[in-house]
Amino acid sequence: MALSSALLEQAVDQLATLPGIGRRTAMRLALDLLRREVHEVARFSEAVRRLREEVMYCRECCNISDSPLCSICADPRRERSLICVVEDIRDVIAIENTLQFKGLYHVLGGVISPMDGVGPDDLHTAELMQRLDQGDVREVVLALGATLEGDTTSFYLHRKLSGKGAVVTMIARGISIGGDLDQVDEATLGRSILERKPYQHAMGQ
């Protein structure tokens, strides 16, 4: 689209780089920002800048945090011998919303996907093994999506965790095949956490 303002076009170009945002949507967003008060746009841009520059990863669970230790890991009320392994922060939020899990988390930062060039070394698997080596963990819950990539990652982790002294369980499959945790309703996800079972590679056993 030909625009009368190069500055507007630059803004549209940048907004269109966001996932799920096409050029038309980017145009609507840019025009909305243009109509806002200067201080509102400044507050918006400052929030984005601080997000990129100041957000860090928890030294324990690799979750996104504002401090070296996230609020969940720092909470003395959490069961420290129980670790739930998830793909990303969206899964932590989904499980926390169920109010059914009282342990800690470990955020992998993705799942194994050879098609996308993502292997075990690209995830926070080494950090998970280090936590197990400390000897304080009695159970690891694999709570990854019911996808081929999620199952591949669960199988890999189960093999790596064997002999670490912790029981490896998986959430019950009340979740449809191909589903992501953050898309599941809280009641179903909560029941899947409560009814977790020993890990089995072959689904349905």
N, C-alpha and C. Protein backbone atom coordinates (compact mmCIF):
# COMPACT_ATOMS: atom_id res chain seq x y z
N MET A 1 0.84 -1.19 0.00
CA MET A 1 0.00 0.00 0.00
C MET A 1 0.88 1.24 0.00
N ALA A 2 0.52 2.23 -0.80
CA ALA A 2 1.28 3.48 -0.85
C ALA A 2 0.75 4.43 0.20
N LEU A 3 1.63 4.91 1.07
CA LEU A 3 1.22 5.79 2.16
C LEU A 3 1.78 7.18 1.95
N SER A 4 1.04 8.16 2.45
CA SER A 4 1.47 9.55 2.29
C SER A 4 2.55 9.94 3.28
N SER A 5 2.78 9.09 4.29
CA SER A 5 3.78 9.39 5.32
C SER A 5 4.77 8.23 5.43
N ALA A 6 6.03 8.56 5.28
CA ALA A 6 7.08 7.54 5.41
C ALA A 6 7.15 7.04 6.85
N LEU A 7 6.88 7.94 7.82
CA LEU A 7 6.91 7.55 9.24
C LEU A 7 5.80 6.56 9.55
N LEU A 8 4.61 6.82 8.99
CA LEU A 8 3.50 5.90 9.17
C LEU A 8 3.82 4.55 8.54
N GLU A 9 4.43 4.58 7.38
CA GLU A 9 4.76 3.33 6.69
C GLU A 9 5.78 2.53 7.49
N GLN A 10 6.74 3.21 8.09
CA GLN A 10 7.73 2.51 8.92
C GLN A 10 7.07 1.85 10.12
N ALA A 11 6.12 2.56 10.74
CA ALA A 11 5.41 2.01 11.89
C ALA A 11 4.60 0.78 11.49
N VAL A 12 3.91 0.88 10.36
CA VAL A 12 3.13 -0.26 9.85
C VAL A 12 4.04 -1.44 9.56
N ASP A 13 5.19 -1.18 8.95
CA ASP A 13 6.14 -2.25 8.63
C ASP A 13 6.58 -2.99 9.90
N GLN A 14 6.85 -2.23 10.96
CA GLN A 14 7.31 -2.85 12.20
C GLN A 14 6.19 -3.62 12.90
N LEU A 15 5.00 -3.06 12.94
CA LEU A 15 3.88 -3.75 13.58
C LEU A 15 3.53 -5.03 12.83
N ALA A 16 3.70 -5.02 11.52
CA ALA A 16 3.38 -6.19 10.70
C ALA A 16 4.37 -7.33 10.91
N THR A 17 5.48 -7.08 11.60
CA THR A 17 6.43 -8.16 11.88
C THR A 17 5.97 -9.02 13.05
N LEU A 18 4.99 -8.55 13.81
CA LEU A 18 4.48 -9.31 14.95
C LEU A 18 3.66 -10.50 14.44
N PRO A 19 3.71 -11.65 15.16
CA PRO A 19 2.98 -12.83 14.70
C PRO A 19 1.47 -12.59 14.69
N GLY A 20 0.83 -13.00 13.61
CA GLY A 20 -0.62 -12.87 13.51
C GLY A 20 -1.10 -11.49 13.10
N ILE A 21 -0.17 -10.58 12.84
CA ILE A 21 -0.54 -9.21 12.46
C ILE A 21 -0.24 -9.00 10.98
N GLY A 22 -1.29 -8.84 10.19
CA GLY A 22 -1.13 -8.54 8.77
C GLY A 22 -1.01 -7.05 8.55
N ARG A 23 -0.84 -6.62 7.32
CA ARG A 23 -0.65 -5.21 7.01
C ARG A 23 -1.89 -4.38 7.35
N ARG A 24 -3.07 -4.93 7.10
CA ARG A 24 -4.29 -4.17 7.40
C ARG A 24 -4.44 -3.94 8.90
N THR A 25 -4.20 -5.00 9.67
CA THR A 25 -4.27 -4.86 11.13
C THR A 25 -3.19 -3.92 11.63
N ALA A 26 -2.00 -4.02 11.05
CA ALA A 26 -0.90 -3.14 11.43
C ALA A 26 -1.27 -1.68 11.15
N MET A 27 -1.95 -1.44 10.06
CA MET A 27 -2.39 -0.08 9.74
C MET A 27 -3.38 0.43 10.79
N ARG A 28 -4.34 -0.41 11.18
CA ARG A 28 -5.31 0.01 12.20
C ARG A 28 -4.62 0.32 13.52
N LEU A 29 -3.65 -0.50 13.89
CA LEU A 29 -2.93 -0.27 15.13
C LEU A 29 -2.12 1.02 15.07
N ALA A 30 -1.45 1.24 13.94
CA ALA A 30 -0.63 2.45 13.78
C ALA A 30 -1.49 3.70 13.84
N LEU A 31 -2.64 3.66 13.19
CA LEU A 31 -3.53 4.83 13.21
C LEU A 31 -4.12 5.06 14.59
N ASP A 32 -4.38 3.97 15.32
CA ASP A 32 -4.86 4.11 16.69
C ASP A 32 -3.81 4.78 17.57
N LEU A 33 -2.56 4.36 17.42
CA LEU A 33 -1.48 4.98 18.18
C LEU A 33 -1.34 6.45 17.82
N LEU A 34 -1.54 6.77 16.55
CA LEU A 34 -1.42 8.16 16.09
C LEU A 34 -2.50 9.04 16.71
N ARG A 35 -3.66 8.47 16.98
CA ARG A 35 -4.77 9.24 17.57
C ARG A 35 -4.63 9.42 19.08
N ARG A 36 -3.80 8.65 19.71
CA ARG A 36 -3.66 8.71 21.16
C ARG A 36 -2.82 9.92 21.58
N GLU A 37 -2.96 10.26 22.87
CA GLU A 37 -2.15 11.34 23.43
C GLU A 37 -0.68 10.93 23.42
N VAL A 38 0.20 11.92 23.32
CA VAL A 38 1.63 11.64 23.25
C VAL A 38 2.11 10.86 24.46
N HIS A 39 1.61 11.22 25.66
CA HIS A 39 2.07 10.53 26.87
C HIS A 39 1.60 9.07 26.91
N GLU A 40 0.46 8.78 26.29
CA GLU A 40 -0.01 7.39 26.23
C GLU A 40 0.90 6.55 25.36
N VAL A 41 1.29 7.08 24.21
CA VAL A 41 2.18 6.36 23.31
C VAL A 41 3.56 6.21 23.94
N ALA A 42 4.00 7.24 24.67
CA ALA A 42 5.30 7.16 25.35
C ALA A 42 5.28 6.07 26.40
N ARG A 43 4.15 5.94 27.14
CA ARG A 43 4.02 4.90 28.15
C ARG A 43 4.02 3.51 27.50
N PHE A 44 3.35 3.41 26.35
CA PHE A 44 3.30 2.15 25.61
C PHE A 44 4.70 1.74 25.14
N SER A 45 5.41 2.67 24.52
CA SER A 45 6.74 2.35 24.00
C SER A 45 7.73 2.05 25.12
N GLU A 46 7.57 2.73 26.26
CA GLU A 46 8.45 2.48 27.40
C GLU A 46 8.23 1.08 27.97
N ALA A 47 6.98 0.66 28.00
CA ALA A 47 6.67 -0.69 28.50
C ALA A 47 7.29 -1.75 27.61
N VAL A 48 7.23 -1.54 26.29
CA VAL A 48 7.82 -2.49 25.34
C VAL A 48 9.34 -2.49 25.48
N ARG A 49 9.93 -1.30 25.63
CA ARG A 49 11.39 -1.21 25.78
C ARG A 49 11.84 -1.95 27.03
N ARG A 50 11.16 -1.71 28.15
CA ARG A 50 11.55 -2.36 29.40
C ARG A 50 11.33 -3.86 29.34
N LEU A 51 10.29 -4.29 28.64
CA LEU A 51 10.04 -5.71 28.46
C LEU A 51 11.25 -6.37 27.81
N ARG A 52 11.74 -5.76 26.75
CA ARG A 52 12.86 -6.34 26.00
C ARG A 52 14.18 -6.25 26.74
N GLU A 53 14.41 -5.14 27.45
CA GLU A 53 15.71 -4.91 28.04
C GLU A 53 15.85 -5.40 29.48
N GLU A 54 14.75 -5.48 30.23
CA GLU A 54 14.86 -5.76 31.65
C GLU A 54 14.32 -7.11 32.10
N VAL A 55 13.43 -7.71 31.32
CA VAL A 55 12.92 -9.03 31.70
C VAL A 55 14.06 -10.04 31.64
N MET A 56 14.12 -10.91 32.64
CA MET A 56 15.18 -11.92 32.70
C MET A 56 14.56 -13.29 32.91
N TYR A 57 15.40 -14.30 33.02
CA TYR A 57 14.94 -15.66 33.24
C TYR A 57 15.33 -16.12 34.64
N CYS A 58 14.40 -16.75 35.32
CA CYS A 58 14.64 -17.25 36.67
C CYS A 58 15.83 -18.22 36.67
N ARG A 59 16.73 -18.05 37.62
CA ARG A 59 17.92 -18.89 37.67
C ARG A 59 17.61 -20.32 38.07
N GLU A 60 16.42 -20.56 38.61
CA GLU A 60 16.03 -21.90 39.02
C GLU A 60 15.21 -22.62 37.95
N CYS A 61 14.13 -21.99 37.51
CA CYS A 61 13.17 -22.69 36.63
C CYS A 61 13.17 -22.20 35.19
N CYS A 62 13.94 -21.16 34.89
CA CYS A 62 14.04 -20.60 33.54
C CYS A 62 12.75 -19.93 33.08
N ASN A 63 11.85 -19.62 34.02
CA ASN A 63 10.64 -18.88 33.69
C ASN A 63 10.97 -17.41 33.52
N ILE A 64 10.14 -16.69 32.79
CA ILE A 64 10.32 -15.25 32.65
C ILE A 64 10.09 -14.59 34.00
N SER A 65 10.95 -13.66 34.36
CA SER A 65 10.88 -13.05 35.69
C SER A 65 11.39 -11.62 35.65
N ASP A 66 11.04 -10.86 36.68
CA ASP A 66 11.55 -9.50 36.83
C ASP A 66 12.78 -9.47 37.74
N SER A 67 13.12 -10.61 38.33
CA SER A 67 14.25 -10.69 39.24
C SER A 67 14.96 -12.02 39.02
N PRO A 68 16.17 -12.19 39.57
CA PRO A 68 16.92 -13.43 39.35
C PRO A 68 16.16 -14.69 39.77
N LEU A 69 15.30 -14.57 40.78
CA LEU A 69 14.48 -15.69 41.24
C LEU A 69 13.02 -15.30 41.10
N CYS A 70 12.25 -16.09 40.34
CA CYS A 70 10.85 -15.73 40.10
C CYS A 70 10.02 -15.87 41.37
N SER A 71 8.82 -15.31 41.36
CA SER A 71 7.97 -15.30 42.55
C SER A 71 7.53 -16.70 42.96
N ILE A 72 7.39 -17.62 42.00
CA ILE A 72 6.99 -18.99 42.33
C ILE A 72 8.12 -19.72 43.04
N CYS A 73 9.32 -19.65 42.49
CA CYS A 73 10.46 -20.31 43.12
C CYS A 73 10.80 -19.70 44.48
N ALA A 74 10.50 -18.43 44.65
CA ALA A 74 10.81 -17.75 45.90
C ALA A 74 9.75 -17.98 46.97
N ASP A 75 8.63 -18.57 46.61
CA ASP A 75 7.52 -18.79 47.54
C ASP A 75 7.81 -19.99 48.44
N PRO A 76 7.98 -19.79 49.75
CA PRO A 76 8.31 -20.90 50.65
C PRO A 76 7.18 -21.89 50.82
N ARG A 77 5.97 -21.54 50.38
CA ARG A 77 4.83 -22.45 50.52
C ARG A 77 4.79 -23.51 49.41
N ARG A 78 5.59 -23.36 48.37
CA ARG A 78 5.57 -24.32 47.27
C ARG A 78 6.29 -25.61 47.66
N GLU A 79 5.79 -26.74 47.12
CA GLU A 79 6.41 -28.04 47.36
C GLU A 79 7.65 -28.17 46.48
N ARG A 80 8.82 -28.12 47.10
CA ARG A 80 10.07 -28.02 46.35
C ARG A 80 10.54 -29.37 45.80
N SER A 81 9.93 -30.45 46.25
CA SER A 81 10.34 -31.77 45.74
C SER A 81 9.53 -32.19 44.53
N LEU A 82 8.64 -31.32 44.06
CA LEU A 82 7.76 -31.62 42.93
C LEU A 82 7.98 -30.59 41.83
N ILE A 83 8.38 -31.04 40.65
CA ILE A 83 8.67 -30.13 39.52
C ILE A 83 7.79 -30.50 38.34
N CYS A 84 7.12 -29.51 37.78
CA CYS A 84 6.28 -29.69 36.60
C CYS A 84 7.02 -29.09 35.40
N VAL A 85 7.29 -29.90 34.39
CA VAL A 85 8.03 -29.47 33.20
C VAL A 85 7.03 -29.01 32.14
N VAL A 86 7.19 -27.77 31.67
CA VAL A 86 6.28 -27.20 30.67
C VAL A 86 7.08 -26.59 29.53
N GLU A 87 6.37 -26.25 28.47
CA GLU A 87 7.02 -25.69 27.29
C GLU A 87 7.38 -24.22 27.48
N ASP A 88 6.43 -23.39 27.89
CA ASP A 88 6.73 -21.96 28.05
C ASP A 88 5.83 -21.34 29.12
N ILE A 89 5.95 -20.03 29.29
CA ILE A 89 5.27 -19.31 30.36
C ILE A 89 3.75 -19.41 30.24
N ARG A 90 3.23 -19.57 29.03
CA ARG A 90 1.79 -19.68 28.86
C ARG A 90 1.25 -20.92 29.56
N ASP A 91 2.06 -21.99 29.58
CA ASP A 91 1.64 -23.21 30.26
C ASP A 91 1.68 -23.04 31.78
N VAL A 92 2.67 -22.29 32.28
CA VAL A 92 2.73 -22.00 33.71
C VAL A 92 1.47 -21.25 34.13
N ILE A 93 1.10 -20.25 33.36
CA ILE A 93 -0.10 -19.46 33.66
C ILE A 93 -1.34 -20.33 33.64
N ALA A 94 -1.45 -21.21 32.63
CA ALA A 94 -2.62 -22.07 32.51
C ALA A 94 -2.74 -23.01 33.70
N ILE A 95 -1.63 -23.62 34.12
CA ILE A 95 -1.67 -24.55 35.25
C ILE A 95 -1.92 -23.80 36.56
N GLU A 96 -1.30 -22.65 36.73
CA GLU A 96 -1.51 -21.86 37.94
C GLU A 96 -2.98 -21.46 38.08
N ASN A 97 -3.64 -21.19 36.97
CA ASN A 97 -5.05 -20.80 37.02
C ASN A 97 -5.97 -21.93 37.50
N THR A 98 -5.49 -23.17 37.44
CA THR A 98 -6.31 -24.29 37.92
C THR A 98 -6.31 -24.39 39.45
N LEU A 99 -5.31 -23.80 40.09
CA LEU A 99 -5.16 -23.84 41.56
C LEU A 99 -4.99 -25.27 42.07
N GLN A 100 -4.52 -26.18 41.21
CA GLN A 100 -4.40 -27.59 41.58
C GLN A 100 -2.95 -28.04 41.78
N PHE A 101 -1.99 -27.21 41.41
CA PHE A 101 -0.59 -27.62 41.48
C PHE A 101 0.14 -26.73 42.48
N LYS A 102 0.84 -27.36 43.43
CA LYS A 102 1.51 -26.62 44.49
C LYS A 102 3.03 -26.76 44.46
N GLY A 103 3.54 -27.38 43.40
CA GLY A 103 4.98 -27.56 43.30
C GLY A 103 5.66 -26.42 42.55
N LEU A 104 6.85 -26.72 42.03
CA LEU A 104 7.60 -25.76 41.24
C LEU A 104 7.52 -26.12 39.76
N TYR A 105 8.08 -25.29 38.92
CA TYR A 105 8.04 -25.51 37.47
C TYR A 105 9.45 -25.56 36.90
N HIS A 106 9.52 -26.10 35.69
CA HIS A 106 10.74 -25.94 34.89
C HIS A 106 10.29 -25.65 33.47
N VAL A 107 10.68 -24.49 32.95
CA VAL A 107 10.25 -24.05 31.63
C VAL A 107 11.33 -24.39 30.61
N LEU A 108 10.99 -25.25 29.66
CA LEU A 108 11.97 -25.69 28.66
C LEU A 108 12.29 -24.61 27.64
N GLY A 109 11.34 -23.75 27.36
CA GLY A 109 11.55 -22.74 26.33
C GLY A 109 11.27 -23.25 24.94
N GLY A 110 10.50 -24.34 24.84
CA GLY A 110 10.16 -24.91 23.54
C GLY A 110 10.05 -26.42 23.65
N VAL A 111 9.93 -27.08 22.53
CA VAL A 111 9.91 -28.54 22.46
C VAL A 111 10.81 -29.00 21.33
N ILE A 112 11.24 -30.24 21.40
CA ILE A 112 12.10 -30.79 20.36
C ILE A 112 11.32 -30.86 19.04
N SER A 113 11.88 -30.29 18.01
CA SER A 113 11.23 -30.27 16.70
C SER A 113 12.28 -30.30 15.60
N PRO A 114 12.68 -31.50 15.17
CA PRO A 114 13.71 -31.61 14.13
C PRO A 114 13.37 -30.84 12.86
N MET A 115 12.08 -30.78 12.52
CA MET A 115 11.68 -30.06 11.31
C MET A 115 12.01 -28.57 11.40
N ASP A 116 12.00 -28.04 12.63
CA ASP A 116 12.31 -26.62 12.84
C ASP A 116 13.75 -26.42 13.29
N GLY A 117 14.51 -27.49 13.33
CA GLY A 117 15.91 -27.38 13.74
C GLY A 117 16.09 -27.19 15.23
N VAL A 118 15.11 -27.61 16.03
CA VAL A 118 15.18 -27.47 17.49
C VAL A 118 15.50 -28.82 18.11
N GLY A 119 16.66 -28.91 18.75
CA GLY A 119 17.07 -30.14 19.41
C GLY A 119 17.11 -29.97 20.92
N PRO A 120 17.44 -31.01 21.66
CA PRO A 120 17.50 -30.94 23.13
C PRO A 120 18.43 -29.84 23.65
N ASP A 121 19.54 -29.63 22.94
CA ASP A 121 20.51 -28.64 23.40
C ASP A 121 20.01 -27.21 23.23
N ASP A 122 18.94 -27.03 22.46
CA ASP A 122 18.36 -25.70 22.28
C ASP A 122 17.36 -25.36 23.38
N LEU A 123 17.05 -26.33 24.24
CA LEU A 123 16.09 -26.15 25.32
C LEU A 123 16.81 -26.13 26.67
N HIS A 124 16.06 -25.82 27.72
CA HIS A 124 16.64 -25.76 29.07
C HIS A 124 16.63 -27.14 29.72
N THR A 125 17.16 -28.14 28.98
CA THR A 125 17.19 -29.50 29.52
C THR A 125 18.36 -29.68 30.49
N ALA A 126 19.50 -29.07 30.20
CA ALA A 126 20.67 -29.21 31.07
C ALA A 126 20.37 -28.65 32.46
N GLU A 127 19.65 -27.53 32.50
CA GLU A 127 19.30 -26.92 33.78
C GLU A 127 18.38 -27.84 34.59
N LEU A 128 17.48 -28.55 33.88
CA LEU A 128 16.60 -29.48 34.56
C LEU A 128 17.40 -30.62 35.18
N MET A 129 18.36 -31.16 34.44
CA MET A 129 19.18 -32.24 34.97
C MET A 129 19.99 -31.78 36.19
N GLN A 130 20.44 -30.54 36.15
CA GLN A 130 21.18 -30.00 37.29
C GLN A 130 20.31 -29.94 38.53
N ARG A 131 19.04 -29.60 38.35
CA ARG A 131 18.13 -29.56 39.50
C ARG A 131 17.91 -30.96 40.07
N LEU A 132 17.83 -31.94 39.18
CA LEU A 132 17.66 -33.33 39.64
C LEU A 132 18.90 -33.84 40.35
N ASP A 133 20.07 -33.40 39.89
CA ASP A 133 21.33 -33.85 40.49
C ASP A 133 21.49 -33.36 41.93
N GLN A 134 20.74 -32.34 42.30
CA GLN A 134 20.80 -31.84 43.67
C GLN A 134 20.15 -32.81 44.66
N GLY A 135 19.34 -33.74 44.15
CA GLY A 135 18.79 -34.80 44.98
C GLY A 135 17.57 -34.47 45.81
N ASP A 136 16.98 -33.30 45.62
CA ASP A 136 15.84 -32.91 46.44
C ASP A 136 14.50 -33.16 45.76
N VAL A 137 14.50 -33.61 44.51
CA VAL A 137 13.27 -33.76 43.74
C VAL A 137 12.80 -35.22 43.79
N ARG A 138 11.53 -35.41 44.18
CA ARG A 138 10.99 -36.77 44.26
C ARG A 138 10.08 -37.10 43.08
N GLU A 139 9.53 -36.07 42.42
CA GLU A 139 8.64 -36.32 41.29
C GLU A 139 8.79 -35.23 40.23
N VAL A 140 8.85 -35.67 38.97
CA VAL A 140 8.86 -34.75 37.84
C VAL A 140 7.62 -35.02 37.01
N VAL A 141 6.79 -34.00 36.83
CA VAL A 141 5.56 -34.13 36.05
C VAL A 141 5.82 -33.57 34.66
N LEU A 142 5.65 -34.40 33.65
CA LEU A 142 5.80 -33.94 32.27
C LEU A 142 4.46 -33.41 31.80
N ALA A 143 4.36 -32.11 31.62
CA ALA A 143 3.10 -31.46 31.23
C ALA A 143 3.29 -30.73 29.92
N LEU A 144 3.57 -31.50 28.89
CA LEU A 144 3.77 -30.94 27.56
C LEU A 144 2.55 -31.20 26.70
N GLY A 145 2.38 -30.42 25.65
CA GLY A 145 1.21 -30.53 24.79
C GLY A 145 1.09 -31.91 24.15
N ALA A 146 -0.16 -32.28 23.82
CA ALA A 146 -0.43 -33.59 23.21
C ALA A 146 -0.18 -33.53 21.70
N THR A 147 1.05 -33.18 21.36
CA THR A 147 1.46 -33.08 19.96
C THR A 147 2.62 -34.04 19.72
N LEU A 148 2.97 -34.25 18.46
CA LEU A 148 4.11 -35.11 18.14
C LEU A 148 5.38 -34.57 18.78
N GLU A 149 5.56 -33.24 18.70
CA GLU A 149 6.75 -32.62 19.29
C GLU A 149 6.75 -32.74 20.82
N GLY A 150 5.56 -32.57 21.42
CA GLY A 150 5.45 -32.71 22.87
C GLY A 150 5.76 -34.11 23.33
N ASP A 151 5.22 -35.11 22.61
CA ASP A 151 5.48 -36.51 22.96
C ASP A 151 6.94 -36.88 22.75
N THR A 152 7.55 -36.34 21.70
CA THR A 152 8.97 -36.60 21.45
C THR A 152 9.83 -36.05 22.57
N THR A 153 9.49 -34.85 23.02
CA THR A 153 10.23 -34.21 24.11
C THR A 153 10.04 -34.98 25.41
N SER A 154 8.80 -35.41 25.69
CA SER A 154 8.53 -36.19 26.90
C SER A 154 9.32 -37.49 26.90
N PHE A 155 9.37 -38.17 25.75
CA PHE A 155 10.11 -39.43 25.65
C PHE A 155 11.60 -39.20 25.90
N TYR A 156 12.13 -38.13 25.32
CA TYR A 156 13.55 -37.81 25.51
C TYR A 156 13.84 -37.53 26.99
N LEU A 157 12.99 -36.73 27.62
CA LEU A 157 13.21 -36.37 29.02
C LEU A 157 13.08 -37.58 29.93
N HIS A 158 12.11 -38.46 29.62
CA HIS A 158 11.94 -39.65 30.43
C HIS A 158 13.21 -40.50 30.42
N ARG A 159 13.82 -40.63 29.26
CA ARG A 159 15.06 -41.40 29.16
C ARG A 159 16.19 -40.72 29.93
N LYS A 160 16.28 -39.40 29.83
CA LYS A 160 17.35 -38.66 30.51
C LYS A 160 17.16 -38.67 32.03
N LEU A 161 15.90 -38.71 32.48
CA LEU A 161 15.61 -38.65 33.91
C LEU A 161 15.71 -40.01 34.59
N SER A 162 15.75 -41.06 33.81
CA SER A 162 15.87 -42.40 34.38
C SER A 162 17.16 -42.51 35.19
N GLY A 163 17.04 -43.02 36.40
CA GLY A 163 18.21 -43.16 37.26
C GLY A 163 18.54 -41.93 38.07
N LYS A 164 17.73 -40.88 37.93
CA LYS A 164 17.97 -39.66 38.71
C LYS A 164 17.33 -39.71 40.10
N GLY A 165 16.56 -40.77 40.36
CA GLY A 165 15.99 -40.92 41.69
C GLY A 165 14.62 -40.33 41.88
N ALA A 166 14.05 -39.74 40.84
CA ALA A 166 12.73 -39.13 40.93
C ALA A 166 11.73 -39.93 40.10
N VAL A 167 10.50 -39.98 40.56
CA VAL A 167 9.43 -40.61 39.80
C VAL A 167 9.03 -39.67 38.67
N VAL A 168 8.89 -40.20 37.47
CA VAL A 168 8.49 -39.39 36.32
C VAL A 168 7.03 -39.71 35.99
N THR A 169 6.18 -38.69 36.05
CA THR A 169 4.77 -38.86 35.75
C THR A 169 4.38 -37.95 34.59
N MET A 170 3.19 -38.15 34.06
CA MET A 170 2.69 -37.29 33.00
C MET A 170 1.24 -36.94 33.32
N ILE A 171 0.80 -35.80 32.83
CA ILE A 171 -0.57 -35.40 33.09
C ILE A 171 -1.51 -36.34 32.36
N ALA A 172 -2.69 -36.56 32.93
CA ALA A 172 -3.68 -37.43 32.32
C ALA A 172 -4.13 -36.84 31.00
N ARG A 173 -4.46 -37.69 30.04
CA ARG A 173 -4.82 -37.22 28.72
C ARG A 173 -6.31 -36.93 28.57
N GLY A 174 -6.76 -35.95 29.36
CA GLY A 174 -8.09 -35.41 29.12
C GLY A 174 -8.00 -34.33 28.06
N ILE A 175 -6.76 -34.15 27.56
CA ILE A 175 -6.48 -33.12 26.57
C ILE A 175 -6.46 -33.77 25.20
N SER A 176 -7.14 -33.18 24.25
CA SER A 176 -7.23 -33.77 22.92
C SER A 176 -5.86 -33.80 22.25
N ILE A 177 -5.66 -34.82 21.41
CA ILE A 177 -4.40 -34.94 20.68
C ILE A 177 -4.21 -33.71 19.79
N GLY A 178 -3.00 -33.17 19.83
CA GLY A 178 -2.71 -31.99 19.04
C GLY A 178 -2.98 -30.70 19.77
N GLY A 179 -3.40 -30.80 21.04
CA GLY A 179 -3.77 -29.60 21.79
C GLY A 179 -2.62 -29.01 22.59
N ASP A 180 -2.62 -27.70 22.75
CA ASP A 180 -1.67 -27.00 23.60
C ASP A 180 -2.32 -26.72 24.95
N LEU A 181 -1.51 -26.72 26.01
CA LEU A 181 -2.07 -26.56 27.36
C LEU A 181 -2.80 -25.25 27.54
N ASP A 182 -2.28 -24.17 26.95
CA ASP A 182 -2.90 -22.87 27.18
C ASP A 182 -4.24 -22.72 26.46
N GLN A 183 -4.63 -23.73 25.66
CA GLN A 183 -5.91 -23.70 24.97
C GLN A 183 -6.96 -24.58 25.67
N VAL A 184 -6.55 -25.27 26.74
CA VAL A 184 -7.44 -26.20 27.44
C VAL A 184 -8.16 -25.47 28.57
N ASP A 185 -9.44 -25.82 28.79
CA ASP A 185 -10.17 -25.16 29.87
C ASP A 185 -9.58 -25.57 31.22
N GLU A 186 -9.74 -24.70 32.22
CA GLU A 186 -9.08 -24.88 33.51
C GLU A 186 -9.54 -26.14 34.23
N ALA A 187 -10.81 -26.50 34.11
CA ALA A 187 -11.32 -27.69 34.79
C ALA A 187 -10.65 -28.95 34.26
N THR A 188 -10.55 -29.07 32.93
CA THR A 188 -9.92 -30.23 32.32
C THR A 188 -8.44 -30.28 32.65
N LEU A 189 -7.76 -29.15 32.58
CA LEU A 189 -6.33 -29.11 32.87
C LEU A 189 -6.08 -29.43 34.34
N GLY A 190 -6.90 -28.89 35.23
CA GLY A 190 -6.75 -29.17 36.65
C GLY A 190 -6.92 -30.65 36.95
N ARG A 191 -7.92 -31.28 36.33
CA ARG A 191 -8.15 -32.71 36.52
C ARG A 191 -6.98 -33.52 35.97
N SER A 192 -6.39 -33.08 34.86
CA SER A 192 -5.25 -33.78 34.27
C SER A 192 -4.04 -33.73 35.20
N ILE A 193 -3.87 -32.61 35.92
CA ILE A 193 -2.78 -32.49 36.88
C ILE A 193 -3.01 -33.42 38.06
N LEU A 194 -4.22 -33.41 38.59
CA LEU A 194 -4.53 -34.23 39.76
C LEU A 194 -4.47 -35.71 39.45
N GLU A 195 -4.84 -36.09 38.24
CA GLU A 195 -4.91 -37.50 37.87
C GLU A 195 -3.70 -37.95 37.06
N ARG A 196 -2.56 -37.28 37.28
CA ARG A 196 -1.34 -37.66 36.56
C ARG A 196 -0.96 -39.10 36.90
N LYS A 197 -0.22 -39.72 36.00
CA LYS A 197 0.11 -41.13 36.14
C LYS A 197 1.56 -41.35 35.73
N PRO A 198 2.13 -42.53 36.07
CA PRO A 198 3.51 -42.81 35.66
C PRO A 198 3.68 -42.66 34.17
N TYR A 199 4.80 -42.13 33.75
CA TYR A 199 5.03 -41.89 32.33
C TYR A 199 5.05 -43.20 31.56
N GLN A 200 4.33 -43.21 30.44
CA GLN A 200 4.35 -44.34 29.51
C GLN A 200 4.50 -43.76 28.12
N HIS A 201 5.44 -44.28 27.35
CA HIS A 201 5.69 -43.72 26.01
C HIS A 201 4.55 -44.01 25.07
N ALA A 202 4.00 -45.22 25.11
CA ALA A 202 2.91 -45.56 24.22
C ALA A 202 1.61 -45.03 24.78
N MET A 203 1.02 -44.07 24.12
CA MET A 203 -0.21 -43.47 24.59
C MET A 203 -1.31 -44.51 24.61
N GLY A 204 -2.15 -44.46 25.64
CA GLY A 204 -3.29 -45.35 25.73
C GLY A 204 -2.99 -46.60 26.55
N GLN A 205 -1.73 -46.79 26.98
CA GLN A 205 -1.42 -47.95 27.78
C GLN A 205 -1.84 -47.71 29.22
